Amino acid sequence: MASILNEESAKSLLSGYNTMSDEKKKNVDFKTIVKIFHKVFYGIAITITVIGILSYFFKNDNLWAALLSIIGTWGFLPLFFTGKKHDTNIYSKWQIVLNYFVMLFLIVLGLIVAISVYHHKGSLVIE
């Protein structure tokens, strides 16, 4: 995702941005937000790669699956915190509440899946 996301393609790929009015788009530091997305997606990719390499040497399938589920959900949380600094638009109360709800949902989902996978009986490897 990080490799296909650039300043030209991001305007159509980032759903929140491409639905904004032209007036609201002026209040967004778009170049910086694209850089943040790059860092977050490359960070997720590097972390998944490291987990994959470590899982080859240390056999604990449930632990690695739990870590992958946390990375898959919590990896996007920095986008919520850092993006606010570069968007000076004023949003309605329900949009702010929805933003916090999505963050909470990602945190809870990551925990539930990680705990469920970690405590799963037997191996999760499909042979």
C-alpha atoms as a PDB file:
ATOM      1  CA  MET A   1       0.000   0.000   0.000  1.00  0.00           C
ATOM      2  CA  ALA A   2       2.813   2.381   0.862  1.00  0.00           C
ATOM      3  CA  SER A   3       4.469   1.885  -2.508  1.00  0.00           C
ATOM      4  CA  ILE A   4       1.343   2.765  -4.527  1.00  0.00           C
ATOM      5  CA  LEU A   5       0.420   5.719  -2.331  1.00  0.00           C
ATOM      6  CA  ASN A   6       1.913   8.958  -3.622  1.00  0.00           C
ATOM      7  CA  GLU A   7       0.705  12.533  -3.901  1.00  0.00           C
ATOM      8  CA  GLU A   8      -1.103  11.885  -7.185  1.00  0.00           C
ATOM      9  CA  SER A   9      -2.779   8.582  -6.271  1.00  0.00           C
ATOM     10  CA  ALA A  10      -3.536   9.470  -2.638  1.00  0.00           C
ATOM     11  CA  LYS A  11      -6.098  12.084  -3.636  1.00  0.00           C
ATOM     12  CA  SER A  12      -8.303   9.300  -4.970  1.00  0.00           C
ATOM     13  CA  LEU A  13      -7.260   6.550  -2.536  1.00  0.00           C
ATOM     14  CA  LEU A  14      -7.756   8.371   0.767  1.00  0.00           C
ATOM     15  CA  SER A  15     -11.508   8.301   1.175  1.00  0.00           C
ATOM     16  CA  GLY A  16     -11.773  11.097   3.715  1.00  0.00           C
ATOM     17  CA  TYR A  17      -9.763  13.458   1.574  1.00  0.00           C
ATOM     18  CA  ASN A  18     -11.393  12.727  -1.773  1.00  0.00           C
ATOM     19  CA  THR A  19     -14.856  13.440  -0.370  1.00  0.00           C
ATOM     20  CA  MET A  20     -13.906  16.836   1.103  1.00  0.00           C
ATOM     21  CA  SER A  21     -14.967  20.048  -0.522  1.00  0.00           C
ATOM     22  CA  ASP A  22     -12.260  22.095  -2.239  1.00  0.00           C
ATOM     23  CA  GLU A  23     -12.498  24.641   0.575  1.00  0.00           C
ATOM     24  CA  LYS A  24     -11.753  21.999   3.237  1.00  0.00           C
ATOM     25  CA  LYS A  25      -8.943  20.485   1.172  1.00  0.00           C
ATOM     26  CA  LYS A  26      -7.099  23.801   1.435  1.00  0.00           C
ATOM     27  CA  ASN A  27      -6.889  23.327   5.219  1.00  0.00           C
ATOM     28  CA  VAL A  28      -5.106  19.987   4.936  1.00  0.00           C
ATOM     29  CA  ASP A  29      -1.321  19.660   4.699  1.00  0.00           C
ATOM     30  CA  PHE A  30      -1.667  16.866   2.176  1.00  0.00           C
ATOM     31  CA  LYS A  31       2.033  16.297   1.462  1.00  0.00           C
ATOM     32  CA  THR A  32       2.783  15.703   5.136  1.00  0.00           C
ATOM     33  CA  ILE A  33      -0.183  13.363   5.551  1.00  0.00           C
ATOM     34  CA  VAL A  34       1.023  11.271   2.593  1.00  0.00           C
ATOM     35  CA  LYS A  35       4.461  11.064   4.255  1.00  0.00           C
ATOM     36  CA  ILE A  36       2.818   9.914   7.499  1.00  0.00           C
ATOM     37  CA  PHE A  37       0.890   7.217   5.624  1.00  0.00           C
ATOM     38  CA  HIS A  38       4.154   6.059   4.032  1.00  0.00           C
ATOM     39  CA  LYS A  39       5.852   5.782   7.423  1.00  0.00           C
ATOM     40  CA  VAL A  40       2.935   3.932   8.985  1.00  0.00           C
ATOM     41  CA  PHE A  41       2.520   1.428   6.140  1.00  0.00           C
ATOM     42  CA  TYR A  42       6.254   0.784   5.835  1.00  0.00           C
ATOM     43  CA  GLY A  43       6.433   0.433   9.629  1.00  0.00           C
ATOM     44  CA  ILE A  44       3.677  -2.177   9.547  1.00  0.00           C
ATOM     45  CA  ALA A  45       5.410  -4.009   6.683  1.00  0.00           C
ATOM     46  CA  ILE A  46       8.781  -4.026   8.460  1.00  0.00           C
ATOM     47  CA  THR A  47       7.207  -5.221  11.705  1.00  0.00           C
ATOM     48  CA  ILE A  48       5.368  -8.036   9.930  1.00  0.00           C
ATOM     49  CA  THR A  49       8.631  -9.034   8.209  1.00  0.00           C
ATOM     50  CA  VAL A  50      10.511  -9.110  11.523  1.00  0.00           C
ATOM     51  CA  ILE A  51       7.743 -11.199  13.112  1.00  0.00           C
ATOM     52  CA  GLY A  52       7.918 -13.580  10.158  1.00  0.00           C
ATOM     53  CA  ILE A  53      11.688 -13.957  10.467  1.00  0.00           C
ATOM     54  CA  LEU A  54      11.548 -14.450  14.243  1.00  0.00           C
ATOM     55  CA  SER A  55       8.749 -17.008  13.894  1.00  0.00           C
ATOM     56  CA  TYR A  56      11.055 -19.107  11.720  1.00  0.00           C
ATOM     57  CA  PHE A  57      13.624 -19.371  14.515  1.00  0.00           C
ATOM     58  CA  PHE A  58      11.340 -19.439  17.570  1.00  0.00           C
ATOM     59  CA  LYS A  59       8.439 -21.858  17.281  1.00  0.00           C
ATOM     60  CA  ASN A  60       5.405 -20.443  19.064  1.00  0.00           C
ATOM     61  CA  ASP A  61       2.720 -20.142  16.397  1.00  0.00           C
ATOM     62  CA  ASN A  62       0.096 -18.738  18.744  1.00  0.00           C
ATOM     63  CA  LEU A  63       2.376 -15.949  19.969  1.00  0.00           C
ATOM     64  CA  TRP A  64       3.299 -14.876  16.445  1.00  0.00           C
ATOM     65  CA  ALA A  65      -0.310 -14.999  15.269  1.00  0.00           C
ATOM     66  CA  ALA A  66      -1.324 -12.882  18.272  1.00  0.00           C
ATOM     67  CA  LEU A  67       1.402 -10.332  17.483  1.00  0.00           C
ATOM     68  CA  LEU A  68       0.323 -10.195  13.846  1.00  0.00           C
ATOM     69  CA  SER A  69      -3.266  -9.498  14.858  1.00  0.00           C
ATOM     70  CA  ILE A  70      -2.132  -6.648  17.103  1.00  0.00           C
ATOM     71  CA  ILE A  71       0.072  -5.174  14.377  1.00  0.00           C
ATOM     72  CA  GLY A  72      -2.782  -5.496  11.889  1.00  0.00           C
ATOM     73  CA  THR A  73      -5.119  -3.490  14.089  1.00  0.00           C
ATOM     74  CA  TRP A  74      -2.958  -1.243  16.258  1.00  0.00           C
ATOM     75  CA  GLY A  75      -0.600  -0.375  13.400  1.00  0.00           C
ATOM     76  CA  PHE A  76      -3.110   2.131  12.054  1.00  0.00           C
ATOM     77  CA  LEU A  77      -3.560   4.037  15.321  1.00  0.00           C
ATOM     78  CA  PRO A  78      -0.718   6.517  14.620  1.00  0.00           C
ATOM     79  CA  LEU A  79      -2.723   7.780  11.647  1.00  0.00           C
ATOM     80  CA  PHE A  80      -5.443   9.019  13.995  1.00  0.00           C
ATOM     81  CA  PHE A  81      -3.055  10.921  16.259  1.00  0.00           C
ATOM     82  CA  THR A  82      -0.614  12.406  13.759  1.00  0.00           C
ATOM     83  CA  GLY A  83      -3.189  13.257  11.093  1.00  0.00           C
ATOM     84  CA  LYS A  84      -5.001  15.712  13.360  1.00  0.00           C
ATOM     85  CA  LYS A  85      -1.980  18.014  13.464  1.00  0.00           C
ATOM     86  CA  HIS A  86      -2.053  18.504   9.710  1.00  0.00           C
ATOM     87  CA  ASP A  87      -5.792  19.008   9.236  1.00  0.00           C
ATOM     88  CA  THR A  88      -7.044  22.337  10.549  1.00  0.00           C
ATOM     89  CA  ASN A  89     -10.674  21.792   9.531  1.00  0.00           C
ATOM     90  CA  ILE A  90     -13.344  21.969  12.201  1.00  0.00           C
ATOM     91  CA  TYR A  91     -15.407  18.797  12.415  1.00  0.00           C
ATOM     92  CA  SER A  92     -18.825  18.170  13.906  1.00  0.00           C
ATOM     93  CA  LYS A  93     -19.216  16.419  17.221  1.00  0.00           C
ATOM     94  CA  TRP A  94     -20.469  13.173  15.653  1.00  0.00           C
ATOM     95  CA  GLN A  95     -17.411  13.009  13.364  1.00  0.00           C
ATOM     96  CA  ILE A  96     -15.089  13.388  16.340  1.00  0.00           C
ATOM     97  CA  VAL A  97     -17.014  10.744  18.297  1.00  0.00           C
ATOM     98  CA  LEU A  98     -16.870   8.403  15.293  1.00  0.00           C
ATOM     99  CA  ASN A  99     -13.108   8.931  15.079  1.00  0.00           C
ATOM    100  CA  TYR A 100     -12.651   7.940  18.731  1.00  0.00           C
ATOM    101  CA  PHE A 101     -15.047   5.023  18.312  1.00  0.00           C
ATOM    102  CA  VAL A 102     -12.968   3.631  15.432  1.00  0.00           C
ATOM    103  CA  MET A 103      -9.778   3.987  17.504  1.00  0.00           C
ATOM    104  CA  LEU A 104     -11.397   2.202  20.451  1.00  0.00           C
ATOM    105  CA  PHE A 105     -12.756  -0.486  18.124  1.00  0.00           C
ATOM    106  CA  LEU A 106      -9.263  -1.144  16.716  1.00  0.00           C
ATOM    107  CA  ILE A 107      -7.759  -1.396  20.195  1.00  0.00           C
ATOM    108  CA  VAL A 108     -10.454  -3.759  21.483  1.00  0.00           C
ATOM    109  CA  LEU A 109     -10.512  -5.839  18.296  1.00  0.00           C
ATOM    110  CA  GLY A 110      -6.737  -6.259  18.418  1.00  0.00           C
ATOM    111  CA  LEU A 111      -6.855  -7.365  22.038  1.00  0.00           C
ATOM    112  CA  ILE A 112      -9.752  -9.785  21.556  1.00  0.00           C
ATOM    113  CA  VAL A 113      -8.238 -11.425  18.492  1.00  0.00           C
ATOM    114  CA  ALA A 114      -4.748 -11.577  20.036  1.00  0.00           C
ATOM    115  CA  ILE A 115      -6.004 -13.146  23.267  1.00  0.00           C
ATOM    116  CA  SER A 116      -8.228 -15.590  21.383  1.00  0.00           C
ATOM    117  CA  VAL A 117      -5.442 -16.659  19.055  1.00  0.00           C
ATOM    118  CA  TYR A 118      -2.858 -16.912  21.812  1.00  0.00           C
ATOM    119  CA  HIS A 119      -5.065 -19.140  23.969  1.00  0.00           C
ATOM    120  CA  HIS A 120      -6.163 -21.289  21.015  1.00  0.00           C
ATOM    121  CA  LYS A 121      -5.520 -24.981  21.663  1.00  0.00           C
ATOM    122  CA  GLY A 122      -3.215 -26.593  19.167  1.00  0.00           C
ATOM    123  CA  SER A 123      -1.322 -25.140  16.260  1.00  0.00           C
ATOM    124  CA  LEU A 124      -2.717 -22.522  13.921  1.00  0.00           C
ATOM    125  CA  VAL A 125      -0.485 -23.664  11.064  1.00  0.00           C
ATOM    126  CA  ILE A 126      -2.379 -25.016   8.057  1.00  0.00           C
ATOM    127  CA  GLU A 127      -0.557 -27.899   6.426  1.00  0.00           C
END
